[in-house]
Amino acid sequence: MKSTKKTHFPIWEYILILIGGFLYAFSTVVFIFPNGLLLGGTSGISVILTSILPFSPGIILMIINFALIVLAFAILGKGMAIKTLVGSVLTTVFVGALEKCLSFEKAVMPNPYISAFIGAAIIAVASGIMFFVDSSSGGTDIIALIVKKFSGIQIGKALLITDILIVLIGGWFLGITLLISSVVGLLVKTLGIDFVISIIKKFRSKVEEEKNDC
């Protein structure tokens, strides 16, 4: 009699992916897109391409994420790729839905520096939550997961490496103000992600210790 090995996907992990995807999309639509900010990633690429292509950032984001999801299945393996697929799809759907629901005549936070800080902080929390369960919002997060898998580099640092080039290219096209504010946001995001992951890990360890003591 052959035994079959089943892959378990705890429901709490997908709840965290759902929360992370929504927070990421909310911050992107409310703080990042309206100010044309670049925090690296596919959202940054989308902002750059929007200036030369007749598509919304959400549509461009969807196309790029689809291509990178294929890469995730090829390199990261089925388990991690499925979680990344769920996170990417949820984030993309939330971005599209929020773009339609939250239509602003002007940016909620007109100051690009404040907007970059707040938006990046929320994205750091969202990404940290998803990375903790081996998922992501897609895009260059997938590249960061691949770098981490083969090098052991912390995800925040891997993201910083992949995102700096995008910000510099975008800043060249969009001007010095957006370049500086985007760099601020990028630093907040990448440093914040590792901090959020460390906090979650400490909290989980504490919970497990308390369970073992009972």
C-alpha atoms as a PDB file:
ATOM      1  CA  MET A   1       0.000   0.000   0.000  1.00  0.00           C
ATOM      2  CA  LYS A   2       1.476   3.314  -1.079  1.00  0.00           C
ATOM      3  CA  SER A   3       1.473   6.264   1.320  1.00  0.00           C
ATOM      4  CA  THR A   4       0.739   9.679  -0.032  1.00  0.00           C
ATOM      5  CA  LYS A   5       2.400  12.746   1.412  1.00  0.00           C
ATOM      6  CA  LYS A   6       0.028  15.673   1.700  1.00  0.00           C
ATOM      7  CA  THR A   7       1.075  19.276   1.719  1.00  0.00           C
ATOM      8  CA  HIS A   8      -0.611  21.254   4.462  1.00  0.00           C
ATOM      9  CA  PHE A   9      -1.389  24.937   4.079  1.00  0.00           C
ATOM     10  CA  PRO A  10      -2.505  26.315   7.469  1.00  0.00           C
ATOM     11  CA  ILE A  11      -5.472  28.649   7.110  1.00  0.00           C
ATOM     12  CA  TRP A  12      -3.823  31.250   9.374  1.00  0.00           C
ATOM     13  CA  GLU A  13      -1.060  31.688   6.822  1.00  0.00           C
ATOM     14  CA  TYR A  14      -3.563  32.596   4.129  1.00  0.00           C
ATOM     15  CA  ILE A  15      -5.356  34.971   6.482  1.00  0.00           C
ATOM     16  CA  LEU A  16      -2.032  36.769   6.996  1.00  0.00           C
ATOM     17  CA  ILE A  17      -1.452  36.820   3.223  1.00  0.00           C
ATOM     18  CA  LEU A  18      -4.918  38.358   2.766  1.00  0.00           C
ATOM     19  CA  ILE A  19      -4.209  41.047   5.374  1.00  0.00           C
ATOM     20  CA  GLY A  20      -0.769  41.749   3.936  1.00  0.00           C
ATOM     21  CA  GLY A  21      -2.093  41.961   0.373  1.00  0.00           C
ATOM     22  CA  PHE A  22      -4.777  44.451   1.341  1.00  0.00           C
ATOM     23  CA  LEU A  23      -2.419  46.675   3.327  1.00  0.00           C
ATOM     24  CA  TYR A  24       0.098  46.663   0.476  1.00  0.00           C
ATOM     25  CA  ALA A  25      -2.550  47.585  -2.096  1.00  0.00           C
ATOM     26  CA  PHE A  26      -4.122  50.260   0.120  1.00  0.00           C
ATOM     27  CA  SER A  27      -0.801  51.989   0.717  1.00  0.00           C
ATOM     28  CA  THR A  28       0.124  51.770  -2.972  1.00  0.00           C
ATOM     29  CA  VAL A  29      -3.163  53.283  -4.190  1.00  0.00           C
ATOM     30  CA  VAL A  30      -3.510  55.946  -1.489  1.00  0.00           C
ATOM     31  CA  PHE A  31       0.085  57.086  -0.933  1.00  0.00           C
ATOM     32  CA  ILE A  32       2.363  55.815  -3.706  1.00  0.00           C
ATOM     33  CA  PHE A  33       0.551  56.062  -7.059  1.00  0.00           C
ATOM     34  CA  PRO A  34      -1.072  59.519  -6.494  1.00  0.00           C
ATOM     35  CA  ASN A  35       2.323  61.104  -5.828  1.00  0.00           C
ATOM     36  CA  GLY A  36       4.137  59.173  -8.560  1.00  0.00           C
ATOM     37  CA  LEU A  37       6.531  57.757  -5.956  1.00  0.00           C
ATOM     38  CA  LEU A  38       9.013  54.988  -6.652  1.00  0.00           C
ATOM     39  CA  LEU A  39       9.698  52.456  -3.929  1.00  0.00           C
ATOM     40  CA  GLY A  40      11.325  50.046  -6.312  1.00  0.00           C
ATOM     41  CA  GLY A  41       9.511  46.848  -7.165  1.00  0.00           C
ATOM     42  CA  THR A  42       6.946  46.424  -9.892  1.00  0.00           C
ATOM     43  CA  SER A  43       4.958  49.359  -8.519  1.00  0.00           C
ATOM     44  CA  GLY A  44       7.980  51.545  -9.269  1.00  0.00           C
ATOM     45  CA  ILE A  45       8.326  50.068 -12.742  1.00  0.00           C
ATOM     46  CA  SER A  46       4.589  50.667 -13.263  1.00  0.00           C
ATOM     47  CA  VAL A  47       4.923  54.346 -12.353  1.00  0.00           C
ATOM     48  CA  ILE A  48       7.811  54.742 -14.814  1.00  0.00           C
ATOM     49  CA  LEU A  49       6.030  52.920 -17.658  1.00  0.00           C
ATOM     50  CA  THR A  50       2.773  54.825 -17.073  1.00  0.00           C
ATOM     51  CA  SER A  51       4.528  57.954 -18.354  1.00  0.00           C
ATOM     52  CA  ILE A  52       5.196  56.290 -21.724  1.00  0.00           C
ATOM     53  CA  LEU A  53       2.413  53.681 -22.066  1.00  0.00           C
ATOM     54  CA  PRO A  54      -1.380  54.218 -22.342  1.00  0.00           C
ATOM     55  CA  PHE A  55      -2.174  51.931 -19.392  1.00  0.00           C
ATOM     56  CA  SER A  56      -2.920  52.472 -15.716  1.00  0.00           C
ATOM     57  CA  PRO A  57      -0.289  51.457 -13.139  1.00  0.00           C
ATOM     58  CA  GLY A  58      -2.608  48.645 -12.007  1.00  0.00           C
ATOM     59  CA  ILE A  59      -2.720  47.043 -15.476  1.00  0.00           C
ATOM     60  CA  ILE A  60       1.049  47.251 -15.931  1.00  0.00           C
ATOM     61  CA  LEU A  61       1.513  45.813 -12.440  1.00  0.00           C
ATOM     62  CA  MET A  62      -0.670  42.834 -13.342  1.00  0.00           C
ATOM     63  CA  ILE A  63       1.302  42.023 -16.509  1.00  0.00           C
ATOM     64  CA  ILE A  64       4.706  42.184 -14.805  1.00  0.00           C
ATOM     65  CA  ASN A  65       3.546  40.156 -11.800  1.00  0.00           C
ATOM     66  CA  PHE A  66       2.196  37.399 -14.048  1.00  0.00           C
ATOM     67  CA  ALA A  67       5.593  36.985 -15.728  1.00  0.00           C
ATOM     68  CA  LEU A  68       7.402  36.851 -12.384  1.00  0.00           C
ATOM     69  CA  ILE A  69       4.936  34.318 -10.945  1.00  0.00           C
ATOM     70  CA  VAL A  70       5.943  31.945 -13.746  1.00  0.00           C
ATOM     71  CA  LEU A  71       9.557  32.470 -12.658  1.00  0.00           C
ATOM     72  CA  ALA A  72       8.587  31.708  -9.034  1.00  0.00           C
ATOM     73  CA  PHE A  73       7.100  28.325  -9.964  1.00  0.00           C
ATOM     74  CA  ALA A  74      10.247  27.467 -11.926  1.00  0.00           C
ATOM     75  CA  ILE A  75      12.752  28.381  -9.189  1.00  0.00           C
ATOM     76  CA  LEU A  76      11.127  28.605  -5.737  1.00  0.00           C
ATOM     77  CA  GLY A  77       9.202  25.349  -5.851  1.00  0.00           C
ATOM     78  CA  LYS A  78       5.494  24.607  -5.730  1.00  0.00           C
ATOM     79  CA  GLY A  79       4.801  25.323  -2.052  1.00  0.00           C
ATOM     80  CA  MET A  80       6.356  28.768  -1.890  1.00  0.00           C
ATOM     81  CA  ALA A  81       5.212  29.622  -5.414  1.00  0.00           C
ATOM     82  CA  ILE A  82       1.571  28.875  -4.583  1.00  0.00           C
ATOM     83  CA  LYS A  83       1.684  31.208  -1.578  1.00  0.00           C
ATOM     84  CA  THR A  84       3.385  33.849  -3.695  1.00  0.00           C
ATOM     85  CA  LEU A  85       0.755  33.383  -6.395  1.00  0.00           C
ATOM     86  CA  VAL A  86      -2.017  33.898  -3.829  1.00  0.00           C
ATOM     87  CA  GLY A  87      -0.288  36.977  -2.409  1.00  0.00           C
ATOM     88  CA  SER A  88       0.382  38.436  -5.846  1.00  0.00           C
ATOM     89  CA  VAL A  89      -3.150  37.829  -7.120  1.00  0.00           C
ATOM     90  CA  LEU A  90      -4.745  39.255  -3.978  1.00  0.00           C
ATOM     91  CA  THR A  91      -2.506  42.329  -4.028  1.00  0.00           C
ATOM     92  CA  THR A  92      -3.145  42.938  -7.736  1.00  0.00           C
ATOM     93  CA  VAL A  93      -6.911  42.483  -7.347  1.00  0.00           C
ATOM     94  CA  PHE A  94      -6.980  44.801  -4.334  1.00  0.00           C
ATOM     95  CA  VAL A  95      -4.985  47.431  -6.257  1.00  0.00           C
ATOM     96  CA  GLY A  96      -7.414  47.262  -9.183  1.00  0.00           C
ATOM     97  CA  ALA A  97     -10.472  47.414  -6.926  1.00  0.00           C
ATOM     98  CA  LEU A  98      -9.135  50.254  -4.777  1.00  0.00           C
ATOM     99  CA  GLU A  99      -8.148  52.265  -7.867  1.00  0.00           C
ATOM    100  CA  LYS A 100     -11.830  52.224  -8.855  1.00  0.00           C
ATOM    101  CA  CYS A 101     -13.250  52.748  -5.366  1.00  0.00           C
ATOM    102  CA  LEU A 102     -10.794  55.387  -4.139  1.00  0.00           C
ATOM    103  CA  SER A 103     -10.714  57.986  -6.879  1.00  0.00           C
ATOM    104  CA  PHE A 104      -9.005  61.182  -5.680  1.00  0.00           C
ATOM    105  CA  GLU A 105      -8.863  64.510  -7.510  1.00  0.00           C
ATOM    106  CA  LYS A 106      -5.551  65.168  -5.750  1.00  0.00           C
ATOM    107  CA  ALA A 107      -3.191  63.215  -3.538  1.00  0.00           C
ATOM    108  CA  VAL A 108      -4.415  62.502  -0.001  1.00  0.00           C
ATOM    109  CA  MET A 109      -0.998  63.531   1.293  1.00  0.00           C
ATOM    110  CA  PRO A 110       0.392  66.137  -1.173  1.00  0.00           C
ATOM    111  CA  ASN A 111       3.791  66.304   0.546  1.00  0.00           C
ATOM    112  CA  PRO A 112       5.812  63.582  -1.260  1.00  0.00           C
ATOM    113  CA  TYR A 113       8.214  63.080   1.661  1.00  0.00           C
ATOM    114  CA  ILE A 114       5.476  62.449   4.227  1.00  0.00           C
ATOM    115  CA  SER A 115       3.547  60.338   1.744  1.00  0.00           C
ATOM    116  CA  ALA A 116       6.673  58.275   1.005  1.00  0.00           C
ATOM    117  CA  PHE A 117       7.338  57.694   4.711  1.00  0.00           C
ATOM    118  CA  ILE A 118       3.757  56.689   5.604  1.00  0.00           C
ATOM    119  CA  GLY A 119       3.248  54.611   2.464  1.00  0.00           C
ATOM    120  CA  ALA A 120       6.562  52.822   2.846  1.00  0.00           C
ATOM    121  CA  ALA A 121       5.936  52.064   6.532  1.00  0.00           C
ATOM    122  CA  ILE A 122       2.592  50.430   5.719  1.00  0.00           C
ATOM    123  CA  ILE A 123       4.147  48.465   2.846  1.00  0.00           C
ATOM    124  CA  ALA A 124       6.948  47.310   5.183  1.00  0.00           C
ATOM    125  CA  VAL A 125       4.349  45.896   7.576  1.00  0.00           C
ATOM    126  CA  ALA A 126       2.425  44.282   4.709  1.00  0.00           C
ATOM    127  CA  SER A 127       5.524  42.754   3.106  1.00  0.00           C
ATOM    128  CA  GLY A 128       6.916  41.610   6.451  1.00  0.00           C
ATOM    129  CA  ILE A 129       3.675  39.761   7.196  1.00  0.00           C
ATOM    130  CA  MET A 130       3.684  38.012   3.818  1.00  0.00           C
ATOM    131  CA  PHE A 131       7.405  37.205   3.832  1.00  0.00           C
ATOM    132  CA  PHE A 132       7.005  35.631   7.274  1.00  0.00           C
ATOM    133  CA  VAL A 133       4.751  32.946   5.775  1.00  0.00           C
ATOM    134  CA  ASP A 134       6.936  32.525   2.641  1.00  0.00           C
ATOM    135  CA  SER A 135       4.630  34.578   0.460  1.00  0.00           C
ATOM    136  CA  SER A 136       4.954  37.984  -1.172  1.00  0.00           C
ATOM    137  CA  SER A 137       3.049  40.603  -3.116  1.00  0.00           C
ATOM    138  CA  GLY A 138       4.799  39.424  -6.264  1.00  0.00           C
ATOM    139  CA  GLY A 139       7.047  41.584  -8.414  1.00  0.00           C
ATOM    140  CA  THR A 140      10.635  42.069  -7.319  1.00  0.00           C
ATOM    141  CA  ASP A 141       9.684  40.499  -3.980  1.00  0.00           C
ATOM    142  CA  ILE A 142       9.941  37.235  -5.913  1.00  0.00           C
ATOM    143  CA  ILE A 143      13.469  38.126  -6.999  1.00  0.00           C
ATOM    144  CA  ALA A 144      14.311  38.871  -3.344  1.00  0.00           C
ATOM    145  CA  LEU A 145      12.970  35.452  -2.293  1.00  0.00           C
ATOM    146  CA  ILE A 146      15.121  33.815  -4.976  1.00  0.00           C
ATOM    147  CA  VAL A 147      18.215  35.741  -3.797  1.00  0.00           C
ATOM    148  CA  LYS A 148      17.487  34.731  -0.187  1.00  0.00           C
ATOM    149  CA  LYS A 149      17.009  31.088  -1.149  1.00  0.00           C
ATOM    150  CA  PHE A 150      20.415  30.789  -2.791  1.00  0.00           C
ATOM    151  CA  SER A 151      22.476  33.275  -0.762  1.00  0.00           C
ATOM    152  CA  GLY A 152      20.922  33.541   2.706  1.00  0.00           C
ATOM    153  CA  ILE A 153      20.863  37.350   2.483  1.00  0.00           C
ATOM    154  CA  GLN A 154      18.123  38.968   4.586  1.00  0.00           C
ATOM    155  CA  ILE A 155      15.032  39.767   2.508  1.00  0.00           C
ATOM    156  CA  GLY A 156      15.168  43.494   3.277  1.00  0.00           C
ATOM    157  CA  LYS A 157      18.750  43.724   2.014  1.00  0.00           C
ATOM    158  CA  ALA A 158      17.948  41.625  -1.063  1.00  0.00           C
ATOM    159  CA  LEU A 159      15.065  43.973  -1.844  1.00  0.00           C
ATOM    160  CA  LEU A 160      17.310  47.000  -1.384  1.00  0.00           C
ATOM    161  CA  ILE A 161      19.722  45.626  -3.969  1.00  0.00           C
ATOM    162  CA  THR A 162      16.971  44.967  -6.539  1.00  0.00           C
ATOM    163  CA  ASP A 163      15.036  48.196  -5.905  1.00  0.00           C
ATOM    164  CA  ILE A 164      17.786  50.840  -5.868  1.00  0.00           C
ATOM    165  CA  LEU A 165      18.306  50.592  -9.615  1.00  0.00           C
ATOM    166  CA  ILE A 166      14.578  51.072 -10.281  1.00  0.00           C
ATOM    167  CA  VAL A 167      14.446  54.172  -8.064  1.00  0.00           C
ATOM    168  CA  LEU A 168      17.524  55.704  -9.684  1.00  0.00           C
ATOM    169  CA  ILE A 169      16.173  55.144 -13.204  1.00  0.00           C
ATOM    170  CA  GLY A 170      12.769  56.540 -12.231  1.00  0.00           C
ATOM    171  CA  GLY A 171      14.335  59.520 -10.509  1.00  0.00           C
ATOM    172  CA  TRP A 172      16.239  60.329 -13.697  1.00  0.00           C
ATOM    173  CA  PHE A 173      12.912  60.628 -15.546  1.00  0.00           C
ATOM    174  CA  LEU A 174      10.742  62.160 -12.804  1.00  0.00           C
ATOM    175  CA  GLY A 175      13.002  64.756 -11.170  1.00  0.00           C
ATOM    176  CA  ILE A 176      15.041  65.370  -8.025  1.00  0.00           C
ATOM    177  CA  THR A 177      12.097  65.859  -5.605  1.00  0.00           C
ATOM    178  CA  LEU A 178      10.553  62.493  -6.433  1.00  0.00           C
ATOM    179  CA  LEU A 179      13.987  60.882  -6.443  1.00  0.00           C
ATOM    180  CA  ILE A 180      14.795  62.030  -2.893  1.00  0.00           C
ATOM    181  CA  SER A 181      11.326  61.245  -1.516  1.00  0.00           C
ATOM    182  CA  SER A 182      11.428  57.830  -3.202  1.00  0.00           C
ATOM    183  CA  VAL A 183      14.843  57.072  -1.676  1.00  0.00           C
ATOM    184  CA  VAL A 184      13.417  57.972   1.748  1.00  0.00           C
ATOM    185  CA  GLY A 185      10.488  55.636   1.174  1.00  0.00           C
ATOM    186  CA  LEU A 186      12.731  52.877  -0.153  1.00  0.00           C
ATOM    187  CA  LEU A 187      14.949  52.964   2.944  1.00  0.00           C
ATOM    188  CA  VAL A 188      11.923  52.931   5.260  1.00  0.00           C
ATOM    189  CA  LYS A 189      10.462  49.978   3.374  1.00  0.00           C
ATOM    190  CA  THR A 190      13.548  47.798   3.136  1.00  0.00           C
ATOM    191  CA  LEU A 191      14.768  48.399   6.695  1.00  0.00           C
ATOM    192  CA  GLY A 192      11.222  48.116   8.013  1.00  0.00           C
ATOM    193  CA  ILE A 193      10.611  44.711   6.437  1.00  0.00           C
ATOM    194  CA  ASP A 194      13.435  42.996   8.345  1.00  0.00           C
ATOM    195  CA  PHE A 195      12.312  44.764  11.534  1.00  0.00           C
ATOM    196  CA  VAL A 196       8.703  43.587  11.109  1.00  0.00           C
ATOM    197  CA  ILE A 197       9.802  40.011  10.410  1.00  0.00           C
ATOM    198  CA  SER A 198      12.013  39.992  13.521  1.00  0.00           C
ATOM    199  CA  ILE A 199       9.146  41.297  15.674  1.00  0.00           C
ATOM    200  CA  ILE A 200       6.761  38.629  14.349  1.00  0.00           C
ATOM    201  CA  LYS A 201       9.335  35.882  14.961  1.00  0.00           C
ATOM    202  CA  LYS A 202       9.928  37.068  18.540  1.00  0.00           C
ATOM    203  CA  PHE A 203       6.172  37.184  19.183  1.00  0.00           C
ATOM    204  CA  ARG A 204       5.702  33.674  17.760  1.00  0.00           C
ATOM    205  CA  SER A 205       8.598  32.304  19.835  1.00  0.00           C
ATOM    206  CA  LYS A 206       7.114  33.833  22.970  1.00  0.00           C
ATOM    207  CA  VAL A 207       3.717  32.289  22.248  1.00  0.00           C
ATOM    208  CA  GLU A 208       5.294  28.859  21.651  1.00  0.00           C
ATOM    209  CA  GLU A 209       7.297  29.124  24.883  1.00  0.00           C
ATOM    210  CA  GLU A 210       4.138  29.943  26.838  1.00  0.00           C
ATOM    211  CA  LYS A 211       2.375  26.938  25.273  1.00  0.00           C
ATOM    212  CA  ASN A 212       5.263  24.643  26.239  1.00  0.00           C
ATOM    213  CA  ASP A 213       5.194  25.937  29.822  1.00  0.00           C
ATOM    214  CA  CYS A 214       1.512  25.099  30.182  1.00  0.00           C
END
